[in-house]
PDB file of all heavy atoms in Angstrom:
ATOM      1  N   ASP A   1      94.670  40.896 138.343  1.00  0.00           N
ATOM      2  CA  ASP A   1      95.479  40.424 139.470  1.00  0.00           C
ATOM      3  C   ASP A   1      96.747  39.760 138.953  1.00  0.00           C
ATOM      4  O   ASP A   1      96.805  39.296 137.803  1.00  0.00           O
ATOM      5  CB  ASP A   1      94.725  39.377 140.291  1.00  0.00           C
ATOM      6  CG  ASP A   1      93.741  39.986 141.279  1.00  0.00           C
ATOM      7  OD1 ASP A   1      93.515  41.209 141.236  1.00  0.00           O
ATOM      8  OD2 ASP A   1      93.204  39.216 142.092  1.00  0.00           O
ATOM      9  N   SER A   2      97.752  39.685 139.826  1.00  0.00           N
ATOM     10  CA  SER A   2      98.937  38.887 139.542  1.00  0.00           C
ATOM     11  C   SER A   2      99.470  38.340 140.861  1.00  0.00           C
ATOM     12  O   SER A   2      99.004  38.725 141.936  1.00  0.00           O
ATOM     13  CB  SER A   2      99.998  39.728 138.835  1.00  0.00           C
ATOM     14  OG  SER A   2     101.082  38.919 138.393  1.00  0.00           O
ATOM     15  N   PHE A   3     100.442  37.451 140.780  1.00  0.00           N
ATOM     16  CA  PHE A   3     101.032  36.876 141.988  1.00  0.00           C
ATOM     17  C   PHE A   3     102.463  36.472 141.702  1.00  0.00           C
ATOM     18  O   PHE A   3     102.907  36.391 140.547  1.00  0.00           O
ATOM     19  CB  PHE A   3     100.237  35.646 142.453  1.00  0.00           C
ATOM     20  CG  PHE A   3     100.377  34.446 141.559  1.00  0.00           C
ATOM     21  CD1 PHE A   3     101.400  33.521 141.748  1.00  0.00           C
ATOM     22  CD2 PHE A   3      99.507  34.247 140.500  1.00  0.00           C
ATOM     23  CE1 PHE A   3     101.539  32.422 140.915  1.00  0.00           C
ATOM     24  CE2 PHE A   3      99.630  33.156 139.653  1.00  0.00           C
ATOM     25  CZ  PHE A   3     100.658  32.233 139.858  1.00  0.00           C
ATOM     26  N   CYS A   4     103.201  36.192 142.767  1.00  0.00           N
ATOM     27  CA  CYS A   4     104.513  35.560 142.632  1.00  0.00           C
ATOM     28  C   CYS A   4     104.763  34.721 143.877  1.00  0.00           C
ATOM     29  O   CYS A   4     104.196  34.963 144.946  1.00  0.00           O
ATOM     30  CB  CYS A   4     105.634  36.585 142.434  1.00  0.00           C
ATOM     31  SG  CYS A   4     105.824  37.792 143.752  1.00  0.00           S
ATOM     32  N   CYS A   5     105.583  33.711 143.726  1.00  0.00           N
ATOM     33  CA  CYS A   5     105.973  32.872 144.855  1.00  0.00           C
ATOM     34  C   CYS A   5     107.272  32.169 144.496  1.00  0.00           C
ATOM     35  O   CYS A   5     107.525  31.874 143.326  1.00  0.00           O
ATOM     36  CB  CYS A   5     104.890  31.854 145.219  1.00  0.00           C
ATOM     37  SG  CYS A   5     104.376  30.783 143.862  1.00  0.00           S
ATOM     38  N   SER A   6     108.094  31.913 145.507  1.00  0.00           N
ATOM     39  CA  SER A   6     109.390  31.295 145.245  1.00  0.00           C
ATOM     40  C   SER A   6     109.979  30.794 146.551  1.00  0.00           C
ATOM     41  O   SER A   6     109.658  31.291 147.632  1.00  0.00           O
ATOM     42  CB  SER A   6     110.339  32.303 144.601  1.00  0.00           C
ATOM     43  OG  SER A   6     111.591  31.706 144.294  1.00  0.00           O
ATOM     44  N   CYS A   7     110.845  29.811 146.432  1.00  0.00           N
ATOM     45  CA  CYS A   7     111.633  29.310 147.561  1.00  0.00           C
ATOM     46  C   CYS A   7     113.077  29.218 147.102  1.00  0.00           C
ATOM     47  O   CYS A   7     113.347  28.683 146.022  1.00  0.00           O
ATOM     48  CB  CYS A   7     111.128  27.946 148.011  1.00  0.00           C
ATOM     49  SG  CYS A   7     111.990  27.272 149.445  1.00  0.00           S
ATOM     50  N   LEU A   8     114.003  29.756 147.874  1.00  0.00           N
ATOM     51  CA  LEU A   8     115.403  29.726 147.481  1.00  0.00           C
ATOM     52  C   LEU A   8     115.964  28.318 147.563  1.00  0.00           C
ATOM     53  O   LEU A   8     115.565  27.529 148.438  1.00  0.00           O
ATOM     54  CB  LEU A   8     116.219  30.667 148.362  1.00  0.00           C
ATOM     55  CG  LEU A   8     115.931  32.157 148.183  1.00  0.00           C
ATOM     56  CD1 LEU A   8     116.836  32.969 149.092  1.00  0.00           C
ATOM     57  CD2 LEU A   8     116.115  32.583 146.734  1.00  0.00           C
ATOM     58  N   PRO A   9     116.888  27.963 146.694  1.00  0.00           N
ATOM     59  CA  PRO A   9     117.466  26.612 146.691  1.00  0.00           C
ATOM     60  C   PRO A   9     118.067  26.200 148.029  1.00  0.00           C
ATOM     61  O   PRO A   9     118.063  25.031 148.387  1.00  0.00           O
ATOM     62  CB  PRO A   9     118.543  26.701 145.600  1.00  0.00           C
ATOM     63  CG  PRO A   9     118.078  27.786 144.702  1.00  0.00           C
ATOM     64  CD  PRO A   9     117.413  28.785 145.592  1.00  0.00           C
ATOM     65  N   ALA A  10     118.585  27.163 148.798  1.00  0.00           N
ATOM     66  CA  ALA A  10     119.168  26.836 150.101  1.00  0.00           C
ATOM     67  C   ALA A  10     118.129  26.326 151.087  1.00  0.00           C
ATOM     68  O   ALA A  10     118.472  25.686 152.088  1.00  0.00           O
ATOM     69  CB  ALA A  10     119.870  28.069 150.675  1.00  0.00           C
ATOM     70  N   GLY A  11     116.855  26.622 150.814  1.00  0.00           N
ATOM     71  CA  GLY A  11     115.786  26.056 151.621  1.00  0.00           C
ATOM     72  C   GLY A  11     115.518  26.752 152.934  1.00  0.00           C
ATOM     73  O   GLY A  11     114.873  26.184 153.813  1.00  0.00           O
ATOM     74  N   ASP A  12     115.981  27.993 153.104  1.00  0.00           N
ATOM     75  CA  ASP A  12     115.730  28.667 154.376  1.00  0.00           C
ATOM     76  C   ASP A  12     114.809  29.871 154.241  1.00  0.00           C
ATOM     77  O   ASP A  12     114.486  30.508 155.231  1.00  0.00           O
ATOM     78  CB  ASP A  12     117.043  29.105 155.023  1.00  0.00           C
ATOM     79  CG  ASP A  12     117.776  30.168 154.203  1.00  0.00           C
ATOM     80  OD1 ASP A  12     117.398  30.374 153.030  1.00  0.00           O
ATOM     81  OD2 ASP A  12     118.712  30.778 154.733  1.00  0.00           O
ATOM     82  N   SER A  13     114.355  30.204 153.031  1.00  0.00           N
ATOM     83  CA  SER A  13     113.490  31.357 152.830  1.00  0.00           C
ATOM     84  C   SER A  13     112.523  31.103 151.687  1.00  0.00           C
ATOM     85  O   SER A  13     112.869  30.447 150.706  1.00  0.00           O
ATOM     86  CB  SER A  13     114.316  32.615 152.514  1.00  0.00           C
ATOM     87  OG  SER A  13     115.178  32.946 153.583  1.00  0.00           O
ATOM     88  N   ALA A  14     111.317  31.645 151.840  1.00  0.00           N
ATOM     89  CA  ALA A  14     110.291  31.546 150.804  1.00  0.00           C
ATOM     90  C   ALA A  14     109.564  32.878 150.721  1.00  0.00           C
ATOM     91  O   ALA A  14     109.542  33.659 151.688  1.00  0.00           O
ATOM     92  CB  ALA A  14     109.311  30.422 151.103  1.00  0.00           C
ATOM     93  N   MET A  15     108.948  33.137 149.574  1.00  0.00           N
ATOM     94  CA  MET A  15     108.285  34.407 149.345  1.00  0.00           C
ATOM     95  C   MET A  15     106.952  34.185 148.644  1.00  0.00           C
ATOM     96  O   MET A  15     106.841  33.317 147.762  1.00  0.00           O
ATOM     97  CB  MET A  15     109.184  35.302 148.485  1.00  0.00           C
ATOM     98  CG  MET A  15     108.586  36.634 148.056  1.00  0.00           C
ATOM     99  SD  MET A  15     107.618  36.512 146.510  1.00  0.00           S
ATOM    100  CE  MET A  15     108.878  36.048 145.337  1.00  0.00           C
ATOM    101  N   ILE A  16     105.933  34.954 149.057  1.00  0.00           N
ATOM    102  CA  ILE A  16     104.655  34.978 148.359  1.00  0.00           C
ATOM    103  C   ILE A  16     104.240  36.431 148.168  1.00  0.00           C
ATOM    104  O   ILE A  16     104.617  37.307 148.948  1.00  0.00           O
ATOM    105  CB  ILE A  16     103.542  34.220 149.108  1.00  0.00           C
ATOM    106  CG1 ILE A  16     103.353  34.777 150.525  1.00  0.00           C
ATOM    107  CG2 ILE A  16     103.837  32.728 149.151  1.00  0.00           C
ATOM    108  CD1 ILE A  16     102.168  34.178 151.277  1.00  0.00           C
ATOM    109  N   GLY A  17     103.462  36.682 147.134  1.00  0.00           N
ATOM    110  CA  GLY A  17     102.956  38.024 146.905  1.00  0.00           C
ATOM    111  C   GLY A  17     101.680  38.005 146.095  1.00  0.00           C
ATOM    112  O   GLY A  17     101.501  37.149 145.221  1.00  0.00           O
ATOM    113  N   ALA A  18     100.777  38.928 146.396  1.00  0.00           N
ATOM    114  CA  ALA A  18      99.532  39.098 145.643  1.00  0.00           C
ATOM    115  C   ALA A  18      99.417  40.561 145.241  1.00  0.00           C
ATOM    116  O   ALA A  18      99.697  41.465 146.045  1.00  0.00           O
ATOM    117  CB  ALA A  18      98.330  38.674 146.482  1.00  0.00           C
ATOM    118  N   PHE A  19      98.985  40.806 144.000  1.00  0.00           N
ATOM    119  CA  PHE A  19      98.998  42.143 143.421  1.00  0.00           C
ATOM    120  C   PHE A  19      97.686  42.361 142.671  1.00  0.00           C
ATOM    121  O   PHE A  19      97.311  41.550 141.833  1.00  0.00           O
ATOM    122  CB  PHE A  19     100.187  42.289 142.466  1.00  0.00           C
ATOM    123  CG  PHE A  19     101.503  41.869 143.086  1.00  0.00           C
ATOM    124  CD1 PHE A  19     101.873  40.529 143.083  1.00  0.00           C
ATOM    125  CD2 PHE A  19     102.317  42.799 143.684  1.00  0.00           C
ATOM    126  CE1 PHE A  19     103.068  40.118 143.672  1.00  0.00           C
ATOM    127  CE2 PHE A  19     103.515  42.403 144.277  1.00  0.00           C
ATOM    128  CZ  PHE A  19     103.890  41.063 144.270  1.00  0.00           C
ATOM    129  N   ASP A  20      97.025  43.456 142.967  1.00  0.00           N
ATOM    130  CA  ASP A  20      95.717  43.750 142.388  1.00  0.00           C
ATOM    131  C   ASP A  20      95.828  45.010 141.542  1.00  0.00           C
ATOM    132  O   ASP A  20      95.904  46.124 142.071  1.00  0.00           O
ATOM    133  CB  ASP A  20      94.704  43.946 143.515  1.00  0.00           C
ATOM    134  CG  ASP A  20      93.283  44.138 143.014  1.00  0.00           C
ATOM    135  OD1 ASP A  20      93.094  44.260 141.785  1.00  0.00           O
ATOM    136  OD2 ASP A  20      92.363  44.179 143.845  1.00  0.00           O
ATOM    137  N   GLY A  21      95.871  44.842 140.217  1.00  0.00           N
ATOM    138  CA  GLY A  21      95.877  46.000 139.346  1.00  0.00           C
ATOM    139  C   GLY A  21      94.609  46.809 139.539  1.00  0.00           C
ATOM    140  O   GLY A  21      93.507  46.259 139.533  1.00  0.00           O
ATOM    141  N   CYS A  22      94.751  48.103 139.738  1.00  0.00           N
ATOM    142  CA  CYS A  22      93.614  48.962 140.087  1.00  0.00           C
ATOM    143  C   CYS A  22      92.829  49.306 138.828  1.00  0.00           C
ATOM    144  O   CYS A  22      93.178  50.239 138.086  1.00  0.00           O
ATOM    145  CB  CYS A  22      94.111  50.210 140.796  1.00  0.00           C
ATOM    146  SG  CYS A  22      95.083  49.851 142.285  1.00  0.00           S
ATOM    147  N   GLY A  23      91.759  48.574 138.595  1.00  0.00           N
ATOM    148  CA  GLY A  23      91.053  48.634 137.324  1.00  0.00           C
ATOM    149  C   GLY A  23      90.320  49.926 137.044  1.00  0.00           C
ATOM    150  O   GLY A  23      90.062  50.245 135.887  1.00  0.00           O
ATOM    151  N   GLY A  24      89.969  50.690 138.088  1.00  0.00           N
ATOM    152  CA  GLY A  24      89.313  51.963 137.841  1.00  0.00           C
ATOM    153  C   GLY A  24      90.292  52.992 137.309  1.00  0.00           C
ATOM    154  O   GLY A  24      90.201  53.457 136.173  1.00  0.00           O
ATOM    155  N   ALA A  25      91.288  53.320 138.151  1.00  0.00           N
ATOM    156  CA  ALA A  25      92.292  54.319 137.759  1.00  0.00           C
ATOM    157  C   ALA A  25      93.178  53.808 136.632  1.00  0.00           C
ATOM    158  O   ALA A  25      93.746  54.594 135.876  1.00  0.00           O
ATOM    159  CB  ALA A  25      93.146  54.693 138.974  1.00  0.00           C
ATOM    160  N   GLY A  26      93.298  52.488 136.504  1.00  0.00           N
ATOM    161  CA  GLY A  26      94.169  51.908 135.488  1.00  0.00           C
ATOM    162  C   GLY A  26      93.424  51.228 134.370  1.00  0.00           C
ATOM    163  O   GLY A  26      93.921  50.272 133.760  1.00  0.00           O
ATOM    164  N   SER A  27      92.227  51.724 134.061  1.00  0.00           N
ATOM    165  CA  SER A  27      91.384  51.053 133.062  1.00  0.00           C
ATOM    166  C   SER A  27      91.770  51.386 131.620  1.00  0.00           C
ATOM    167  O   SER A  27      91.301  50.737 130.690  1.00  0.00           O
ATOM    168  CB  SER A  27      89.919  51.418 133.286  1.00  0.00           C
ATOM    169  OG  SER A  27      89.728  52.823 133.172  1.00  0.00           O
ATOM    170  N   GLN A  28      92.604  52.412 131.428  1.00  0.00           N
ATOM    171  CA  GLN A  28      93.012  52.772 130.070  1.00  0.00           C
ATOM    172  C   GLN A  28      93.820  51.644 129.444  1.00  0.00           C
ATOM    173  O   GLN A  28      94.692  51.065 130.080  1.00  0.00           O
ATOM    174  CB  GLN A  28      93.842  54.050 130.093  1.00  0.00           C
ATOM    175  CG  GLN A  28      94.252  54.526 128.713  1.00  0.00           C
ATOM    176  CD  GLN A  28      94.820  55.935 128.745  1.00  0.00           C
ATOM    177  OE1 GLN A  28      94.352  56.772 129.511  1.00  0.00           O
ATOM    178  NE2 GLN A  28      95.802  56.196 127.914  1.00  0.00           N
ATOM    179  N   SER A  29      93.520  51.314 128.211  1.00  0.00           N
ATOM    180  CA  SER A  29      94.257  50.267 127.501  1.00  0.00           C
ATOM    181  C   SER A  29      95.264  50.903 126.551  1.00  0.00           C
ATOM    182  O   SER A  29      95.118  52.065 126.152  1.00  0.00           O
ATOM    183  CB  SER A  29      93.306  49.362 126.722  1.00  0.00           C
ATOM    184  OG  SER A  29      92.553  50.112 125.785  1.00  0.00           O
ATOM    185  N   TYR A  30      96.293  50.120 126.175  1.00  0.00           N
ATOM    186  CA  TYR A  30      97.402  50.646 125.386  1.00  0.00           C
ATOM    187  C   TYR A  30      97.647  49.760 124.168  1.00  0.00           C
ATOM    188  O   TYR A  30      97.946  48.566 124.311  1.00  0.00           O
ATOM    189  CB  TYR A  30      98.662  50.726 126.249  1.00  0.00           C
ATOM    190  CG  TYR A  30      98.488  51.617 127.463  1.00  0.00           C
ATOM    191  CD1 TYR A  30      98.085  51.084 128.686  1.00  0.00           C
ATOM    192  CD2 TYR A  30      98.693  52.985 127.365  1.00  0.00           C
ATOM    193  CE1 TYR A  30      97.906  51.902 129.788  1.00  0.00           C
ATOM    194  CE2 TYR A  30      98.517  53.814 128.465  1.00  0.00           C
ATOM    195  CZ  TYR A  30      98.121  53.264 129.672  1.00  0.00           C
ATOM    196  OH  TYR A  30      97.938  54.080 130.761  1.00  0.00           O
ATOM    197  N   LYS A  31      97.513  50.352 122.979  1.00  0.00           N
ATOM    198  CA  LYS A  31      97.733  49.596 121.753  1.00  0.00           C
ATOM    199  C   LYS A  31      99.150  49.041 121.680  1.00  0.00           C
ATOM    200  O   LYS A  31      99.382  47.944 121.168  1.00  0.00           O
ATOM    201  CB  LYS A  31      97.459  50.489 120.540  1.00  0.00           C
ATOM    202  CG  LYS A  31      96.000  50.892 120.376  1.00  0.00           C
ATOM    203  CD  LYS A  31      95.821  51.772 119.141  1.00  0.00           C
ATOM    204  CE  LYS A  31      94.362  52.159 118.968  1.00  0.00           C
ATOM    205  NZ  LYS A  31      94.162  53.031 117.784  1.00  0.00           N
ATOM    206  N   SER A  32     100.105  49.798 122.182  1.00  0.00           N
ATOM    207  CA  SER A  32     101.505  49.370 122.135  1.00  0.00           C
ATOM    208  C   SER A  32     101.791  48.187 123.052  1.00  0.00           C
ATOM    209  O   SER A  32     102.848  47.569 122.968  1.00  0.00           O
ATOM    210  CB  SER A  32     102.426  50.534 122.507  1.00  0.00           C
ATOM    211  OG  SER A  32     102.121  51.004 123.817  1.00  0.00           O
ATOM    212  N   LEU A  33     100.827  47.866 123.937  1.00  0.00           N
ATOM    213  CA  LEU A  33     100.980  46.742 124.865  1.00  0.00           C
ATOM    214  C   LEU A  33      99.838  45.747 124.656  1.00  0.00           C
ATOM    215  O   LEU A  33      99.237  45.261 125.614  1.00  0.00           O
ATOM    216  CB  LEU A  33     101.020  47.245 126.309  1.00  0.00           C
ATOM    217  CG  LEU A  33     102.239  48.126 126.643  1.00  0.00           C
ATOM    218  CD1 LEU A  33     102.082  48.777 128.002  1.00  0.00           C
ATOM    219  CD2 LEU A  33     103.534  47.310 126.589  1.00  0.00           C
ATOM    220  N   SER A  34      99.577  45.450 123.393  1.00  0.00           N
ATOM    221  CA  SER A  34      98.578  44.438 122.997  1.00  0.00           C
ATOM    222  C   SER A  34      97.188  44.729 123.541  1.00  0.00           C
ATOM    223  O   SER A  34      96.397  43.807 123.765  1.00  0.00           O
ATOM    224  CB  SER A  34      99.031  43.041 123.454  1.00  0.00           C
ATOM    225  OG  SER A  34     100.302  42.728 122.911  1.00  0.00           O
ATOM    226  N   GLY A  35      96.896  46.001 123.753  1.00  0.00           N
ATOM    227  CA  GLY A  35      95.564  46.368 124.208  1.00  0.00           C
ATOM    228  C   GLY A  35      95.303  46.111 125.669  1.00  0.00           C
ATOM    229  O   GLY A  35      94.156  46.240 126.129  1.00  0.00           O
ATOM    230  N   LYS A  36      96.324  45.771 126.436  1.00  0.00           N
ATOM    231  CA  LYS A  36      96.155  45.502 127.859  1.00  0.00           C
ATOM    232  C   LYS A  36      95.966  46.813 128.621  1.00  0.00           C
ATOM    233  O   LYS A  36      96.457  47.872 128.215  1.00  0.00           O
ATOM    234  CB  LYS A  36      97.362  44.755 128.427  1.00  0.00           C
ATOM    235  CG  LYS A  36      97.617  43.403 127.778  1.00  0.00           C
ATOM    236  CD  LYS A  36      96.432  42.458 127.947  1.00  0.00           C
ATOM    237  CE  LYS A  36      96.754  41.062 127.409  1.00  0.00           C
ATOM    238  NZ  LYS A  36      95.586  40.143 127.511  1.00  0.00           N
ATOM    239  N   THR A  37      95.267  46.731 129.742  1.00  0.00           N
ATOM    240  CA  THR A  37      95.037  47.916 130.557  1.00  0.00           C
ATOM    241  C   THR A  37      96.258  48.235 131.413  1.00  0.00           C
ATOM    242  O   THR A  37      97.125  47.390 131.654  1.00  0.00           O
ATOM    243  CB  THR A  37      93.835  47.714 131.489  1.00  0.00           C
ATOM    244  OG1 THR A  37      94.139  46.672 132.438  1.00  0.00           O
ATOM    245  CG2 THR A  37      92.582  47.345 130.698  1.00  0.00           C
ATOM    246  N   GLY A  38      96.292  49.464 131.898  1.00  0.00           N
ATOM    247  CA  GLY A  38      97.354  49.851 132.807  1.00  0.00           C
ATOM    248  C   GLY A  38      97.357  49.008 134.066  1.00  0.00           C
ATOM    249  O   GLY A  38      98.422  48.690 134.613  1.00  0.00           O
ATOM    250  N   ALA A  39      96.165  48.630 134.545  1.00  0.00           N
ATOM    251  CA  ALA A  39      96.076  47.792 135.740  1.00  0.00           C
ATOM    252  C   ALA A  39      96.702  46.420 135.492  1.00  0.00           C
ATOM    253  O   ALA A  39      97.432  45.886 136.348  1.00  0.00           O
ATOM    254  CB  ALA A  39      94.617  47.645 136.159  1.00  0.00           C
ATOM    255  N   TYR A  40      96.415  45.833 134.352  1.00  0.00           N
ATOM    256  CA  TYR A  40      96.981  44.536 133.976  1.00  0.00           C
ATOM    257  C   TYR A  40      98.512  44.638 133.911  1.00  0.00           C
ATOM    258  O   TYR A  40      99.228  43.791 134.456  1.00  0.00           O
ATOM    259  CB  TYR A  40      96.408  44.119 132.624  1.00  0.00           C
ATOM    260  CG  TYR A  40      96.947  42.825 132.043  1.00  0.00           C
ATOM    261  CD1 TYR A  40      96.211  41.649 132.155  1.00  0.00           C
ATOM    262  CD2 TYR A  40      98.169  42.777 131.373  1.00  0.00           C
ATOM    263  CE1 TYR A  40      96.684  40.468 131.613  1.00  0.00           C
ATOM    264  CE2 TYR A  40      98.648  41.607 130.833  1.00  0.00           C
ATOM    265  CZ  TYR A  40      97.902  40.446 130.961  1.00  0.00           C
ATOM    266  OH  TYR A  40      98.390  39.269 130.429  1.00  0.00           O
TER     267      TYR A  40
END
């Protein structure tokens, strides 16, 4: 999983997000990326 959140300095807008790396289809790991999976 990953997430992001932010509020602009002007104070009139904010953002949230949630992201779920798909571990089945993205279960392959990559040596060039420190062994992390495609989902990660």
